[in-house]
Amino acid sequence: MRLFDEAGRSVSSPSAADVRSVIEGIDSEINTYAILEKQPNHYMQTMQFEDGFELEYQVDDTDHHFRAPQRMARDEVMRAMTQYAEQDDRWLKEIEWEPLNLEVAESKSGCLGLLLVGASLGASAFGAFCL
């Protein structure tokens, strides 16, 4: 598992403390997102906006991409991402999830398509954070 953020921080096999540190470092202007990747195309990601955090996860391919329909507080995101890192599936039941059609999301105005390819990190993730 690998945790990385927009600022370039990357942590292999992240601990709960690593997750907390990275999520605490996210802001809505410069270091706006973090991704926790189990394997390519299998990850949880978050992005901060002025009114809270968007949280998404994907399993295997973009047809299995989900998001929390409401913006979340930093502590909720920390808890979910820590559980994900520890392979504790409580986050699946504790958060309401809805499927996200990335093709539709990318075509909407107000959506920020996010494509990250970190070849040097061995990481790749794709998602769409909608405003």
N, C-alpha and C. Protein backbone atom coordinates (compact mmCIF):
# COMPACT_ATOMS: atom_id res chain seq x y z
N MET A 1 0.85 -1.17 0.00
CA MET A 1 0.00 0.00 0.00
C MET A 1 0.89 1.23 0.00
N ARG A 2 0.43 2.28 -0.69
CA ARG A 2 1.19 3.53 -0.78
C ARG A 2 0.24 4.71 -0.57
N LEU A 3 0.71 5.68 0.20
CA LEU A 3 -0.03 6.91 0.45
C LEU A 3 0.77 8.06 -0.15
N PHE A 4 0.10 8.89 -0.95
CA PHE A 4 0.81 10.04 -1.50
C PHE A 4 -0.14 11.23 -1.61
N ASP A 5 0.47 12.42 -1.68
CA ASP A 5 -0.32 13.64 -1.77
C ASP A 5 0.18 14.53 -2.90
N GLU A 6 -0.52 15.61 -3.12
CA GLU A 6 -0.19 16.53 -4.21
C GLU A 6 1.18 17.18 -4.02
N ALA A 7 1.61 17.34 -2.79
CA ALA A 7 2.90 17.97 -2.50
C ALA A 7 4.08 17.06 -2.81
N GLY A 8 3.81 15.80 -3.15
CA GLY A 8 4.87 14.87 -3.50
C GLY A 8 5.30 13.94 -2.39
N ARG A 9 4.67 14.03 -1.25
CA ARG A 9 4.99 13.11 -0.16
C ARG A 9 4.48 11.72 -0.52
N SER A 10 5.29 10.71 -0.27
CA SER A 10 4.92 9.33 -0.58
C SER A 10 5.38 8.43 0.56
N VAL A 11 4.47 7.58 1.04
CA VAL A 11 4.78 6.69 2.15
C VAL A 11 4.35 5.28 1.78
N SER A 12 5.28 4.33 1.80
CA SER A 12 4.95 2.93 1.58
C SER A 12 4.50 2.32 2.89
N SER A 13 3.53 1.43 2.83
CA SER A 13 2.99 0.77 4.02
C SER A 13 2.69 1.77 5.13
N PRO A 14 1.82 2.75 4.86
CA PRO A 14 1.58 3.82 5.84
C PRO A 14 0.90 3.34 7.12
N SER A 15 1.33 3.92 8.22
CA SER A 15 0.72 3.67 9.53
C SER A 15 -0.44 4.64 9.72
N ALA A 16 -1.19 4.45 10.80
CA ALA A 16 -2.27 5.39 11.14
C ALA A 16 -1.70 6.79 11.34
N ALA A 17 -0.52 6.89 11.93
CA ALA A 17 0.11 8.20 12.14
C ALA A 17 0.48 8.85 10.81
N ASP A 18 0.93 8.05 9.84
CA ASP A 18 1.24 8.58 8.51
C ASP A 18 -0.01 9.13 7.84
N VAL A 19 -1.11 8.38 7.94
CA VAL A 19 -2.37 8.83 7.34
C VAL A 19 -2.80 10.14 7.98
N ARG A 20 -2.77 10.22 9.31
CA ARG A 20 -3.14 11.45 10.01
C ARG A 20 -2.28 12.63 9.55
N SER A 21 -0.98 12.41 9.47
CA SER A 21 -0.05 13.47 9.09
C SER A 21 -0.34 13.98 7.68
N VAL A 22 -0.56 13.08 6.74
CA VAL A 22 -0.83 13.49 5.36
C VAL A 22 -2.17 14.21 5.26
N ILE A 23 -3.21 13.68 5.90
CA ILE A 23 -4.53 14.31 5.83
C ILE A 23 -4.51 15.67 6.53
N GLU A 24 -3.78 15.79 7.63
CA GLU A 24 -3.67 17.09 8.31
C GLU A 24 -2.96 18.11 7.44
N GLY A 25 -2.10 17.65 6.52
CA GLY A 25 -1.35 18.55 5.64
C GLY A 25 -2.10 19.00 4.41
N ILE A 26 -3.30 18.47 4.20
CA ILE A 26 -4.09 18.86 3.02
C ILE A 26 -4.76 20.21 3.27
N ASP A 27 -4.76 21.04 2.24
CA ASP A 27 -5.48 22.32 2.30
C ASP A 27 -6.28 22.47 1.01
N SER A 28 -7.00 23.54 0.87
CA SER A 28 -7.86 23.72 -0.31
C SER A 28 -7.20 24.54 -1.41
N GLU A 29 -5.89 24.81 -1.29
CA GLU A 29 -5.24 25.66 -2.28
C GLU A 29 -3.99 25.06 -2.91
N ILE A 30 -3.07 24.53 -2.12
CA ILE A 30 -1.78 24.08 -2.66
C ILE A 30 -1.64 22.57 -2.63
N ASN A 31 -1.85 21.96 -1.49
CA ASN A 31 -1.75 20.51 -1.32
C ASN A 31 -3.17 19.99 -1.11
N THR A 32 -3.92 19.83 -2.20
CA THR A 32 -5.37 19.64 -2.11
C THR A 32 -5.85 18.21 -2.01
N TYR A 33 -5.02 17.22 -2.32
CA TYR A 33 -5.52 15.85 -2.32
C TYR A 33 -4.51 14.85 -1.77
N ALA A 34 -5.04 13.68 -1.42
CA ALA A 34 -4.22 12.54 -1.01
C ALA A 34 -4.87 11.28 -1.55
N ILE A 35 -4.03 10.32 -1.90
CA ILE A 35 -4.50 9.04 -2.43
C ILE A 35 -3.82 7.91 -1.67
N LEU A 36 -4.62 6.95 -1.27
CA LEU A 36 -4.14 5.76 -0.58
C LEU A 36 -4.41 4.59 -1.52
N GLU A 37 -3.35 4.06 -2.10
CA GLU A 37 -3.48 3.06 -3.15
C GLU A 37 -3.05 1.68 -2.67
N LYS A 38 -3.97 0.71 -2.79
CA LYS A 38 -3.65 -0.68 -2.47
C LYS A 38 -2.87 -1.32 -3.61
N GLN A 39 -3.35 -1.07 -4.80
CA GLN A 39 -2.74 -1.56 -6.04
C GLN A 39 -3.28 -0.68 -7.15
N PRO A 40 -2.72 -0.75 -8.36
CA PRO A 40 -3.25 0.09 -9.42
C PRO A 40 -4.76 -0.10 -9.58
N ASN A 41 -5.47 1.01 -9.70
CA ASN A 41 -6.93 1.03 -9.88
C ASN A 41 -7.72 0.54 -8.68
N HIS A 42 -7.10 0.46 -7.52
CA HIS A 42 -7.77 0.05 -6.29
C HIS A 42 -7.27 0.99 -5.19
N TYR A 43 -8.09 2.01 -4.88
CA TYR A 43 -7.61 3.08 -4.01
C TYR A 43 -8.75 3.84 -3.35
N MET A 44 -8.38 4.66 -2.36
CA MET A 44 -9.27 5.65 -1.76
C MET A 44 -8.56 6.99 -1.93
N GLN A 45 -9.33 8.03 -2.25
CA GLN A 45 -8.73 9.35 -2.43
C GLN A 45 -9.63 10.42 -1.85
N THR A 46 -9.00 11.51 -1.47
CA THR A 46 -9.75 12.64 -0.92
C THR A 46 -9.19 13.93 -1.47
N MET A 47 -10.06 14.92 -1.54
CA MET A 47 -9.66 16.26 -1.97
C MET A 47 -10.40 17.27 -1.11
N GLN A 48 -9.67 18.31 -0.69
CA GLN A 48 -10.30 19.33 0.15
C GLN A 48 -10.81 20.48 -0.70
N PHE A 49 -12.02 20.92 -0.38
CA PHE A 49 -12.62 22.11 -0.95
C PHE A 49 -12.90 23.06 0.21
N GLU A 50 -13.35 24.25 -0.08
CA GLU A 50 -13.61 25.23 0.98
C GLU A 50 -14.64 24.74 1.98
N ASP A 51 -15.60 23.91 1.53
CA ASP A 51 -16.68 23.46 2.42
C ASP A 51 -16.52 22.02 2.90
N GLY A 52 -15.34 21.46 2.80
CA GLY A 52 -15.10 20.12 3.31
C GLY A 52 -14.35 19.24 2.32
N PHE A 53 -14.34 17.96 2.62
CA PHE A 53 -13.59 16.99 1.83
C PHE A 53 -14.51 16.13 0.99
N GLU A 54 -14.09 15.88 -0.23
CA GLU A 54 -14.72 14.88 -1.10
C GLU A 54 -13.96 13.58 -0.82
N LEU A 55 -14.66 12.46 -0.74
CA LEU A 55 -14.02 11.17 -0.50
C LEU A 55 -14.54 10.18 -1.53
N GLU A 56 -13.62 9.47 -2.18
CA GLU A 56 -13.97 8.49 -3.20
C GLU A 56 -13.14 7.23 -3.02
N TYR A 57 -13.66 6.14 -3.56
CA TYR A 57 -12.85 4.93 -3.64
C TYR A 57 -13.17 4.21 -4.94
N GLN A 58 -12.22 3.40 -5.36
CA GLN A 58 -12.39 2.62 -6.59
C GLN A 58 -11.86 1.22 -6.34
N VAL A 59 -12.55 0.25 -6.94
CA VAL A 59 -12.14 -1.15 -6.87
C VAL A 59 -11.99 -1.67 -8.30
N ASP A 60 -10.79 -1.94 -8.71
CA ASP A 60 -10.44 -2.59 -9.98
C ASP A 60 -10.54 -1.73 -11.24
N ASP A 61 -11.63 -1.01 -11.46
CA ASP A 61 -11.75 -0.23 -12.69
C ASP A 61 -12.73 0.92 -12.48
N THR A 62 -12.81 1.80 -13.46
CA THR A 62 -13.64 3.00 -13.31
C THR A 62 -15.14 2.69 -13.29
N ASP A 63 -15.53 1.48 -13.67
CA ASP A 63 -16.93 1.08 -13.53
C ASP A 63 -17.31 0.82 -12.08
N HIS A 64 -16.32 0.73 -11.21
CA HIS A 64 -16.53 0.48 -9.78
C HIS A 64 -15.91 1.61 -8.96
N HIS A 65 -16.33 2.82 -9.28
CA HIS A 65 -15.84 4.02 -8.62
C HIS A 65 -17.01 4.62 -7.83
N PHE A 66 -16.77 4.95 -6.57
CA PHE A 66 -17.83 5.42 -5.68
C PHE A 66 -17.38 6.67 -4.94
N ARG A 67 -18.36 7.45 -4.50
CA ARG A 67 -18.04 8.63 -3.70
C ARG A 67 -19.07 8.81 -2.60
N ALA A 68 -18.64 9.48 -1.55
CA ALA A 68 -19.57 9.89 -0.50
C ALA A 68 -20.35 11.08 -1.06
N PRO A 69 -21.68 11.05 -1.00
CA PRO A 69 -22.46 12.12 -1.63
C PRO A 69 -22.38 13.47 -0.93
N GLN A 70 -21.98 13.48 0.33
CA GLN A 70 -21.87 14.73 1.09
C GLN A 70 -20.41 15.03 1.37
N ARG A 71 -20.07 16.31 1.44
CA ARG A 71 -18.72 16.69 1.85
C ARG A 71 -18.52 16.25 3.29
N MET A 72 -17.30 15.91 3.62
CA MET A 72 -16.99 15.34 4.93
C MET A 72 -16.03 16.22 5.70
N ALA A 73 -15.99 16.02 7.01
CA ALA A 73 -15.05 16.72 7.88
C ALA A 73 -13.70 15.99 7.84
N ARG A 74 -12.65 16.71 8.16
CA ARG A 74 -11.30 16.15 8.13
C ARG A 74 -11.20 14.89 9.01
N ASP A 75 -11.78 14.91 10.21
CA ASP A 75 -11.67 13.75 11.10
C ASP A 75 -12.39 12.52 10.52
N GLU A 76 -13.48 12.73 9.80
CA GLU A 76 -14.19 11.60 9.17
C GLU A 76 -13.33 10.99 8.07
N VAL A 77 -12.67 11.84 7.29
CA VAL A 77 -11.78 11.36 6.22
C VAL A 77 -10.60 10.62 6.82
N MET A 78 -10.03 11.17 7.89
CA MET A 78 -8.90 10.51 8.56
C MET A 78 -9.29 9.12 9.04
N ARG A 79 -10.47 9.01 9.65
CA ARG A 79 -10.94 7.72 10.16
C ARG A 79 -11.13 6.73 9.01
N ALA A 80 -11.78 7.14 7.95
CA ALA A 80 -12.03 6.24 6.81
C ALA A 80 -10.72 5.81 6.16
N MET A 81 -9.81 6.75 5.95
CA MET A 81 -8.56 6.40 5.28
C MET A 81 -7.65 5.55 6.18
N THR A 82 -7.71 5.78 7.48
CA THR A 82 -6.96 4.93 8.41
C THR A 82 -7.51 3.51 8.39
N GLN A 83 -8.83 3.38 8.41
CA GLN A 83 -9.44 2.04 8.32
C GLN A 83 -9.05 1.36 7.01
N TYR A 84 -9.09 2.10 5.93
CA TYR A 84 -8.71 1.55 4.62
C TYR A 84 -7.25 1.06 4.65
N ALA A 85 -6.37 1.87 5.21
CA ALA A 85 -4.95 1.50 5.30
C ALA A 85 -4.74 0.26 6.15
N GLU A 86 -5.57 0.11 7.18
CA GLU A 86 -5.46 -1.05 8.08
C GLU A 86 -6.29 -2.24 7.60
N GLN A 87 -6.86 -2.12 6.40
CA GLN A 87 -7.71 -3.16 5.81
C GLN A 87 -8.87 -3.54 6.72
N ASP A 88 -9.41 -2.52 7.36
CA ASP A 88 -10.59 -2.63 8.21
C ASP A 88 -11.76 -2.09 7.39
N ASP A 89 -12.68 -2.94 7.00
CA ASP A 89 -13.75 -2.56 6.07
C ASP A 89 -14.93 -1.81 6.70
N ARG A 90 -14.79 -1.35 7.93
CA ARG A 90 -15.90 -0.61 8.55
C ARG A 90 -16.28 0.63 7.76
N TRP A 91 -15.33 1.25 7.08
CA TRP A 91 -15.60 2.46 6.30
C TRP A 91 -16.67 2.22 5.24
N LEU A 92 -16.77 0.99 4.75
CA LEU A 92 -17.78 0.69 3.72
C LEU A 92 -19.20 0.85 4.25
N LYS A 93 -19.40 0.52 5.53
CA LYS A 93 -20.73 0.60 6.13
C LYS A 93 -20.97 1.92 6.86
N GLU A 94 -19.91 2.53 7.36
CA GLU A 94 -20.05 3.76 8.14
C GLU A 94 -20.33 4.99 7.28
N ILE A 95 -20.01 4.89 6.00
CA ILE A 95 -20.20 6.02 5.08
C ILE A 95 -21.20 5.60 4.01
N GLU A 96 -22.09 6.51 3.67
CA GLU A 96 -23.01 6.26 2.55
C GLU A 96 -22.21 6.47 1.26
N TRP A 97 -22.32 5.53 0.34
CA TRP A 97 -21.58 5.61 -0.93
C TRP A 97 -22.56 5.60 -2.10
N GLU A 98 -22.19 6.29 -3.16
CA GLU A 98 -22.97 6.23 -4.39
C GLU A 98 -22.02 6.02 -5.56
N PRO A 99 -22.47 5.28 -6.58
CA PRO A 99 -21.62 5.08 -7.76
C PRO A 99 -21.36 6.43 -8.43
N LEU A 100 -20.18 6.58 -8.98
CA LEU A 100 -19.83 7.79 -9.72
C LEU A 100 -19.45 7.39 -11.13
N ASN A 101 -20.23 7.83 -12.09
CA ASN A 101 -19.94 7.56 -13.49
C ASN A 101 -18.91 8.59 -13.93
N LEU A 102 -17.67 8.16 -14.09
CA LEU A 102 -16.59 9.10 -14.39
C LEU A 102 -16.74 9.75 -15.75
N GLU A 103 -17.32 9.06 -16.72
CA GLU A 103 -17.51 9.67 -18.04
C GLU A 103 -18.47 10.84 -17.95
N VAL A 104 -19.54 10.69 -17.20
CA VAL A 104 -20.51 11.78 -17.02
C VAL A 104 -19.89 12.88 -16.17
N ALA A 105 -19.20 12.51 -15.09
CA ALA A 105 -18.61 13.49 -14.18
C ALA A 105 -17.61 14.38 -14.90
N GLU A 106 -16.80 13.80 -15.78
CA GLU A 106 -15.78 14.58 -16.47
C GLU A 106 -16.39 15.55 -17.48
N SER A 107 -17.56 15.23 -18.01
CA SER A 107 -18.17 16.10 -19.01
C SER A 107 -18.94 17.25 -18.38
N LYS A 108 -19.25 17.17 -17.09
CA LYS A 108 -20.00 18.23 -16.41
C LYS A 108 -19.11 19.42 -16.11
N SER A 109 -19.68 20.58 -16.23
CA SER A 109 -18.98 21.78 -15.83
C SER A 109 -18.87 21.77 -14.31
N GLY A 110 -17.74 22.22 -13.78
CA GLY A 110 -17.57 22.23 -12.34
C GLY A 110 -16.88 21.00 -11.81
N CYS A 111 -16.57 20.03 -12.67
CA CYS A 111 -15.88 18.83 -12.21
C CYS A 111 -14.41 18.92 -12.59
N LEU A 112 -13.59 18.56 -11.67
CA LEU A 112 -12.16 18.56 -11.90
C LEU A 112 -11.74 17.13 -12.12
N GLY A 113 -11.42 16.76 -13.35
CA GLY A 113 -10.92 15.42 -13.62
C GLY A 113 -9.51 15.33 -13.08
N LEU A 114 -9.21 14.26 -12.41
CA LEU A 114 -7.90 14.11 -11.80
C LEU A 114 -7.25 12.85 -12.33
N LEU A 115 -6.14 13.00 -12.99
CA LEU A 115 -5.40 11.86 -13.49
C LEU A 115 -4.00 11.94 -12.92
N LEU A 116 -3.64 10.96 -12.17
CA LEU A 116 -2.32 10.92 -11.56
C LEU A 116 -1.59 9.70 -12.06
N VAL A 117 -0.44 9.92 -12.62
CA VAL A 117 0.38 8.80 -13.02
C VAL A 117 1.74 9.04 -12.39
N GLY A 118 2.04 8.28 -11.38
CA GLY A 118 3.31 8.43 -10.68
C GLY A 118 4.21 7.26 -10.99
N ALA A 119 4.73 7.22 -12.19
CA ALA A 119 5.54 6.08 -12.61
C ALA A 119 6.71 5.87 -11.66
N SER A 120 7.31 6.96 -11.22
CA SER A 120 8.45 6.80 -10.32
C SER A 120 8.01 6.30 -8.95
N LEU A 121 6.73 6.51 -8.62
CA LEU A 121 6.20 6.01 -7.35
C LEU A 121 5.60 4.63 -7.51
N GLY A 122 5.44 4.17 -8.75
CA GLY A 122 4.76 2.91 -8.98
C GLY A 122 3.27 3.06 -8.72
N ALA A 123 2.75 4.26 -8.88
CA ALA A 123 1.35 4.52 -8.53
C ALA A 123 0.61 5.10 -9.71
N SER A 124 -0.64 4.72 -9.83
CA SER A 124 -1.51 5.36 -10.81
C SER A 124 -2.91 5.36 -10.24
N ALA A 125 -3.59 6.47 -10.38
CA ALA A 125 -4.95 6.57 -9.88
C ALA A 125 -5.72 7.52 -10.77
N PHE A 126 -6.98 7.29 -10.88
CA PHE A 126 -7.82 8.15 -11.70
C PHE A 126 -9.11 8.41 -10.96
N GLY A 127 -9.56 9.62 -10.99
CA GLY A 127 -10.84 9.92 -10.36
C GLY A 127 -11.34 11.26 -10.80
N ALA A 128 -12.52 11.59 -10.39
CA ALA A 128 -13.10 12.90 -10.72
C ALA A 128 -13.69 13.49 -9.45
N PHE A 129 -13.16 14.61 -9.03
CA PHE A 129 -13.71 15.30 -7.88
C PHE A 129 -14.65 16.37 -8.42
N CYS A 130 -15.91 16.31 -8.05
CA CYS A 130 -16.90 17.26 -8.56
C CYS A 130 -17.16 18.35 -7.55
N LEU A 131 -17.19 19.57 -8.01
CA LEU A 131 -17.49 20.72 -7.15
C LEU A 131 -18.97 20.81 -6.91
